[in-house]
């Protein structure tokens, strides 16, 4: 696997985990979310896919 692809996948993982940490922190602070644990997992997966897809584009723009 190329270093760019590895970097992109790692950024996707970071994005998904960050979303989950923020959602769980919000719930622990007393907030309520309209989705359950399964819904949070699906949203985190979506966030990870979006971040993975956009990471190479952002990295290219930052190098300029």
PDB file of N, CA and C in Angstrom:
ATOM      1  N   UNK A   1       0.842  -1.171   0.000  1.00  0.00           N
ATOM      2  CA  UNK A   1       0.000   0.000   0.000  1.00  0.00           C
ATOM      3  C   UNK A   1       0.894   1.242   0.000  1.00  0.00           C
ATOM      4  N   UNK A   2       0.485   2.236  -0.767  1.00  0.00           N
ATOM      5  CA  UNK A   2       1.293   3.444  -0.877  1.00  0.00           C
ATOM      6  C   UNK A   2       1.172   4.283   0.402  1.00  0.00           C
ATOM      7  N   UNK A   3       2.174   5.104   0.667  1.00  0.00           N
ATOM      8  CA  UNK A   3       2.115   5.966   1.853  1.00  0.00           C
ATOM      9  C   UNK A   3       0.929   6.935   1.827  1.00  0.00           C
ATOM     10  N   UNK A   4       0.558   7.409   0.645  1.00  0.00           N
ATOM     11  CA  UNK A   4      -0.596   8.320   0.561  1.00  0.00           C
ATOM     12  C   UNK A   4      -1.893   7.617   0.946  1.00  0.00           C
ATOM     13  N   UNK A   5      -2.034   6.376   0.496  1.00  0.00           N
ATOM     14  CA  UNK A   5      -3.249   5.628   0.838  1.00  0.00           C
ATOM     15  C   UNK A   5      -3.283   5.304   2.330  1.00  0.00           C
ATOM     16  N   UNK A   6      -2.145   4.934   2.883  1.00  0.00           N
ATOM     17  CA  UNK A   6      -2.071   4.646   4.312  1.00  0.00           C
ATOM     18  C   UNK A   6      -2.424   5.890   5.121  1.00  0.00           C
ATOM     19  N   UNK A   7      -1.873   7.026   4.718  1.00  0.00           N
ATOM     20  CA  UNK A   7      -2.165   8.278   5.403  1.00  0.00           C
ATOM     21  C   UNK A   7      -3.651   8.610   5.322  1.00  0.00           C
ATOM     22  N   UNK A   8      -4.239   8.421   4.167  1.00  0.00           N
ATOM     23  CA  UNK A   8      -5.655   8.700   3.979  1.00  0.00           C
ATOM     24  C   UNK A   8      -6.523   7.804   4.869  1.00  0.00           C
ATOM     25  N   UNK A   9      -6.195   6.537   4.923  1.00  0.00           N
ATOM     26  CA  UNK A   9      -6.959   5.607   5.768  1.00  0.00           C
ATOM     27  C   UNK A   9      -6.808   5.940   7.254  1.00  0.00           C
ATOM     28  N   UNK A  10      -5.614   6.336   7.642  1.00  0.00           N
ATOM     29  CA  UNK A  10      -5.412   6.709   9.050  1.00  0.00           C
ATOM     30  C   UNK A  10      -6.190   7.973   9.405  1.00  0.00           C
ATOM     31  N   UNK A  11      -6.237   8.941   8.498  1.00  0.00           N
ATOM     32  CA  UNK A  11      -7.026  10.143   8.754  1.00  0.00           C
ATOM     33  C   UNK A  11      -8.510   9.794   8.845  1.00  0.00           C
ATOM     34  N   UNK A  12      -8.965   8.858   8.044  1.00  0.00           N
ATOM     35  CA  UNK A  12     -10.357   8.408   8.140  1.00  0.00           C
ATOM     36  C   UNK A  12     -10.650   7.773   9.488  1.00  0.00           C
ATOM     37  N   UNK A  13      -9.723   6.965   9.968  1.00  0.00           N
ATOM     38  CA  UNK A  13      -9.875   6.352  11.285  1.00  0.00           C
ATOM     39  C   UNK A  13      -9.903   7.408  12.382  1.00  0.00           C
ATOM     40  N   UNK A  14      -9.031   8.386  12.281  1.00  0.00           N
ATOM     41  CA  UNK A  14      -8.994   9.476  13.265  1.00  0.00           C
ATOM     42  C   UNK A  14     -10.321  10.240  13.254  1.00  0.00           C
ATOM     43  N   UNK A  15     -10.853  10.524  12.075  1.00  0.00           N
ATOM     44  CA  UNK A  15     -12.124  11.239  11.980  1.00  0.00           C
ATOM     45  C   UNK A  15     -13.272  10.462  12.606  1.00  0.00           C
ATOM     46  N   UNK A  16     -13.337   9.172  12.324  1.00  0.00           N
ATOM     47  CA  UNK A  16     -14.414   8.343  12.879  1.00  0.00           C
ATOM     48  C   UNK A  16     -14.304   8.242  14.397  1.00  0.00           C
ATOM     49  N   UNK A  17     -13.100   8.025  14.894  1.00  0.00           N
ATOM     50  CA  UNK A  17     -12.920   7.917  16.345  1.00  0.00           C
ATOM     51  C   UNK A  17     -13.182   9.244  17.040  1.00  0.00           C
ATOM     52  N   UNK A  18     -12.783  10.346  16.421  1.00  0.00           N
ATOM     53  CA  UNK A  18     -13.050  11.655  16.997  1.00  0.00           C
ATOM     54  C   UNK A  18     -14.547  11.908  17.105  1.00  0.00           C
ATOM     55  N   UNK A  19     -15.285  11.534  16.074  1.00  0.00           N
ATOM     56  CA  UNK A  19     -16.737  11.690  16.137  1.00  0.00           C
ATOM     57  C   UNK A  19     -17.317  10.877  17.293  1.00  0.00           C
ATOM     58  N   UNK A  20     -16.869   9.635  17.436  1.00  0.00           N
ATOM     59  CA  UNK A  20     -17.394   8.793  18.514  1.00  0.00           C
ATOM     60  C   UNK A  20     -17.035   9.346  19.894  1.00  0.00           C
ATOM     61  N   UNK A  21     -15.827   9.839  20.059  1.00  0.00           N
ATOM     62  CA  UNK A  21     -15.418  10.411  21.345  1.00  0.00           C
ATOM     63  C   UNK A  21     -16.282  11.624  21.683  1.00  0.00           C
ATOM     64  N   UNK A  22     -16.508  12.491  20.704  1.00  0.00           N
ATOM     65  CA  UNK A  22     -17.336  13.665  20.961  1.00  0.00           C
ATOM     66  C   UNK A  22     -18.785  13.286  21.267  1.00  0.00           C
ATOM     67  N   UNK A  23     -19.329  12.302  20.565  1.00  0.00           N
ATOM     68  CA  UNK A  23     -20.709  11.877  20.797  1.00  0.00           C
ATOM     69  C   UNK A  23     -20.870  11.242  22.178  1.00  0.00           C
ATOM     70  N   UNK A  24     -19.924  10.399  22.559  1.00  0.00           N
ATOM     71  CA  UNK A  24     -20.000   9.763  23.877  1.00  0.00           C
ATOM     72  C   UNK A  24     -19.797  10.800  24.974  1.00  0.00           C
ATOM     73  N   UNK A  25     -18.894  11.742  24.769  1.00  0.00           N
ATOM     74  CA  UNK A  25     -18.689  12.809  25.743  1.00  0.00           C
ATOM     75  C   UNK A  25     -19.943  13.649  25.920  1.00  0.00           C
ATOM     76  N   UNK A  26     -20.623  13.916  24.832  1.00  0.00           N
ATOM     77  CA  UNK A  26     -21.874  14.673  24.910  1.00  0.00           C
ATOM     78  C   UNK A  26     -22.924  13.914  25.711  1.00  0.00           C
ATOM     79  N   UNK A  27     -22.995  12.611  25.461  1.00  0.00           N
ATOM     80  CA  UNK A  27     -23.963  11.790  26.210  1.00  0.00           C
ATOM     81  C   UNK A  27     -23.597  11.715  27.689  1.00  0.00           C
ATOM     82  N   UNK A  28     -22.312  11.615  27.989  1.00  0.00           N
ATOM     83  CA  UNK A  28     -21.879  11.565  29.393  1.00  0.00           C
ATOM     84  C   UNK A  28     -22.134  12.892  30.104  1.00  0.00           C
ATOM     85  N   UNK A  29     -22.096  13.987  29.373  1.00  0.00           N
ATOM     86  CA  UNK A  29     -22.332  15.304  29.967  1.00  0.00           C
ATOM     87  C   UNK A  29     -23.821  15.565  30.208  1.00  0.00           C
ATOM     88  N   UNK A  30     -24.655  14.642  29.800  1.00  0.00           N
ATOM     89  CA  UNK A  30     -26.079  14.770  30.078  1.00  0.00           C
ATOM     90  C   UNK A  30     -26.933  15.071  28.873  1.00  0.00           C
ATOM     91  N   UNK A  31     -26.347  15.162  27.713  1.00  0.00           N
ATOM     92  CA  UNK A  31     -27.118  15.426  26.501  1.00  0.00           C
ATOM     93  C   UNK A  31     -27.766  14.155  25.980  1.00  0.00           C
ATOM     94  N   UNK A  32     -28.756  14.333  25.150  1.00  0.00           N
ATOM     95  CA  UNK A  32     -29.382  13.169  24.532  1.00  0.00           C
ATOM     96  C   UNK A  32     -29.300  13.326  23.019  1.00  0.00           C
ATOM     97  N   UNK A  33     -29.058  12.236  22.366  1.00  0.00           N
ATOM     98  CA  UNK A  33     -28.938  12.231  20.907  1.00  0.00           C
ATOM     99  C   UNK A  33     -30.124  11.472  20.320  1.00  0.00           C
ATOM    100  N   UNK A  34     -30.559  11.833  19.121  1.00  0.00           N
ATOM    101  CA  UNK A  34     -31.733  11.173  18.531  1.00  0.00           C
ATOM    102  C   UNK A  34     -31.444   9.774  17.980  1.00  0.00           C
ATOM    103  N   UNK A  35     -30.209   9.305  18.082  1.00  0.00           N
ATOM    104  CA  UNK A  35     -29.872   7.961  17.596  1.00  0.00           C
ATOM    105  C   UNK A  35     -29.238   7.171  18.735  1.00  0.00           C
ATOM    106  N   UNK A  36     -29.314   5.856  18.622  1.00  0.00           N
ATOM    107  CA  UNK A  36     -28.718   4.985  19.622  1.00  0.00           C
ATOM    108  C   UNK A  36     -27.272   4.674  19.275  1.00  0.00           C
ATOM    109  N   UNK A  37     -26.758   3.635  19.905  1.00  0.00           N
ATOM    110  CA  UNK A  37     -25.362   3.241  19.704  1.00  0.00           C
ATOM    111  C   UNK A  37     -25.129   2.768  18.274  1.00  0.00           C
ATOM    112  N   UNK A  38     -26.064   2.012  17.736  1.00  0.00           N
ATOM    113  CA  UNK A  38     -25.932   1.546  16.353  1.00  0.00           C
ATOM    114  C   UNK A  38     -25.939   2.695  15.357  1.00  0.00           C
ATOM    115  N   UNK A  39     -26.793   3.675  15.609  1.00  0.00           N
ATOM    116  CA  UNK A  39     -26.836   4.848  14.751  1.00  0.00           C
ATOM    117  C   UNK A  39     -25.542   5.636  14.803  1.00  0.00           C
ATOM    118  N   UNK A  40     -24.967   5.734  15.998  1.00  0.00           N
ATOM    119  CA  UNK A  40     -23.680   6.426  16.127  1.00  0.00           C
ATOM    120  C   UNK A  40     -22.589   5.697  15.350  1.00  0.00           C
ATOM    121  N   UNK A  41     -22.626   4.372  15.378  1.00  0.00           N
ATOM    122  CA  UNK A  41     -21.629   3.592  14.642  1.00  0.00           C
ATOM    123  C   UNK A  41     -21.768   3.813  13.133  1.00  0.00           C
ATOM    124  N   UNK A  42     -22.996   3.880  12.649  1.00  0.00           N
ATOM    125  CA  UNK A  42     -23.216   4.104  11.214  1.00  0.00           C
ATOM    126  C   UNK A  42     -22.758   5.506  10.817  1.00  0.00           C
ATOM    127  N   UNK A  43     -23.071   6.491  11.648  1.00  0.00           N
ATOM    128  CA  UNK A  43     -22.632   7.858  11.357  1.00  0.00           C
ATOM    129  C   UNK A  43     -21.113   7.951  11.397  1.00  0.00           C
ATOM    130  N   UNK A  44     -20.483   7.292  12.378  1.00  0.00           N
ATOM    131  CA  UNK A  44     -19.022   7.299  12.463  1.00  0.00           C
ATOM    132  C   UNK A  44     -18.405   6.652  11.225  1.00  0.00           C
ATOM    133  N   UNK A  45     -19.011   5.595  10.733  1.00  0.00           N
ATOM    134  CA  UNK A  45     -18.531   4.965   9.506  1.00  0.00           C
ATOM    135  C   UNK A  45     -18.624   5.940   8.330  1.00  0.00           C
ATOM    136  N   UNK A  46     -19.734   6.650   8.246  1.00  0.00           N
ATOM    137  CA  UNK A  46     -19.891   7.647   7.194  1.00  0.00           C
ATOM    138  C   UNK A  46     -18.869   8.768   7.301  1.00  0.00           C
ATOM    139  N   UNK A  47     -18.623   9.229   8.518  1.00  0.00           N
ATOM    140  CA  UNK A  47     -17.612  10.266   8.732  1.00  0.00           C
ATOM    141  C   UNK A  47     -16.245   9.755   8.303  1.00  0.00           C
ATOM    142  N   UNK A  48     -15.933   8.523   8.664  1.00  0.00           N
ATOM    143  CA  UNK A  48     -14.648   7.937   8.283  1.00  0.00           C
ATOM    144  C   UNK A  48     -14.483   7.837   6.776  1.00  0.00           C
ATOM    145  N   UNK A  49     -15.542   7.465   6.079  1.00  0.00           N
ATOM    146  CA  UNK A  49     -15.479   7.352   4.616  1.00  0.00           C
ATOM    147  C   UNK A  49     -15.266   8.726   3.987  1.00  0.00           C
ATOM    148  N   UNK A  50     -15.991   9.729   4.474  1.00  0.00           N
ATOM    149  CA  UNK A  50     -15.857  11.082   3.924  1.00  0.00           C
ATOM    150  C   UNK A  50     -14.454  11.631   4.175  1.00  0.00           C
ATOM    151  N   UNK A  51     -13.941  11.436   5.380  1.00  0.00           N
ATOM    152  CA  UNK A  51     -12.595  11.936   5.696  1.00  0.00           C
ATOM    153  C   UNK A  51     -11.547  11.191   4.875  1.00  0.00           C
ATOM    154  N   UNK A  52     -11.709   9.890   4.717  1.00  0.00           N
ATOM    155  CA  UNK A  52     -10.768   9.117   3.910  1.00  0.00           C
ATOM    156  C   UNK A  52     -10.768   9.592   2.463  1.00  0.00           C
ATOM    157  N   UNK A  53     -11.941   9.895   1.936  1.00  0.00           N
ATOM    158  CA  UNK A  53     -12.028  10.345   0.544  1.00  0.00           C
ATOM    159  C   UNK A  53     -11.491  11.760   0.359  1.00  0.00           C
ATOM    160  N   UNK A  54     -11.657  12.606   1.363  1.00  0.00           N
ATOM    161  CA  UNK A  54     -11.238  14.000   1.207  1.00  0.00           C
ATOM    162  C   UNK A  54      -9.800  14.256   1.651  1.00  0.00           C
ATOM    163  N   UNK A  55      -9.184  13.348   2.362  1.00  0.00           N
ATOM    164  CA  UNK A  55      -7.818  13.562   2.852  1.00  0.00           C
ATOM    165  C   UNK A  55      -6.799  13.784   1.740  1.00  0.00           C
ATOM    166  N   UNK A  56      -6.806  13.015   0.653  1.00  0.00           N
ATOM    167  CA  UNK A  56      -5.822  13.281  -0.404  1.00  0.00           C
ATOM    168  C   UNK A  56      -6.003  14.647  -1.061  1.00  0.00           C
ATOM    169  N   UNK A  57      -7.249  15.080  -1.206  1.00  0.00           N
ATOM    170  CA  UNK A  57      -7.517  16.383  -1.817  1.00  0.00           C
ATOM    171  C   UNK A  57      -6.982  17.500  -0.934  1.00  0.00           C
ATOM    172  N   UNK A  58      -7.246  17.400   0.354  1.00  0.00           N
ATOM    173  CA  UNK A  58      -6.781  18.410   1.297  1.00  0.00           C
ATOM    174  C   UNK A  58      -5.262  18.406   1.381  1.00  0.00           C
ATOM    175  N   UNK A  59      -4.662  17.227   1.395  1.00  0.00           N
ATOM    176  CA  UNK A  59      -3.208  17.138   1.469  1.00  0.00           C
ATOM    177  C   UNK A  59      -2.548  17.762   0.233  1.00  0.00           C
ATOM    178  N   UNK A  60      -3.143  17.561  -0.917  1.00  0.00           N
ATOM    179  CA  UNK A  60      -2.604  18.155  -2.143  1.00  0.00           C
ATOM    180  C   UNK A  60      -2.686  19.672  -2.085  1.00  0.00           C
ATOM    181  N   UNK A  61      -3.806  20.189  -1.596  1.00  0.00           N
ATOM    182  CA  UNK A  61      -3.959  21.641  -1.506  1.00  0.00           C
ATOM    183  C   UNK A  61      -3.019  22.236  -0.472  1.00  0.00           C
ATOM    184  N   UNK A  62      -2.758  21.532   0.617  1.00  0.00           N
ATOM    185  CA  UNK A  62      -1.859  22.047   1.649  1.00  0.00           C
ATOM    186  C   UNK A  62      -0.407  22.056   1.200  1.00  0.00           C
ATOM    187  N   UNK A  63      -0.054  21.187   0.292  1.00  0.00           N
ATOM    188  CA  UNK A  63       1.341  21.141  -0.194  1.00  0.00           C
ATOM    189  C   UNK A  63       1.685  22.318  -1.088  1.00  0.00           C
ATOM    190  N   UNK A  64       0.688  22.981  -1.652  1.00  0.00           N
ATOM    191  CA  UNK A  64       0.937  24.093  -2.566  1.00  0.00           C
ATOM    192  C   UNK A  64       1.372  25.329  -1.832  1.00  0.00           C
TER     193      UNK A  64
END
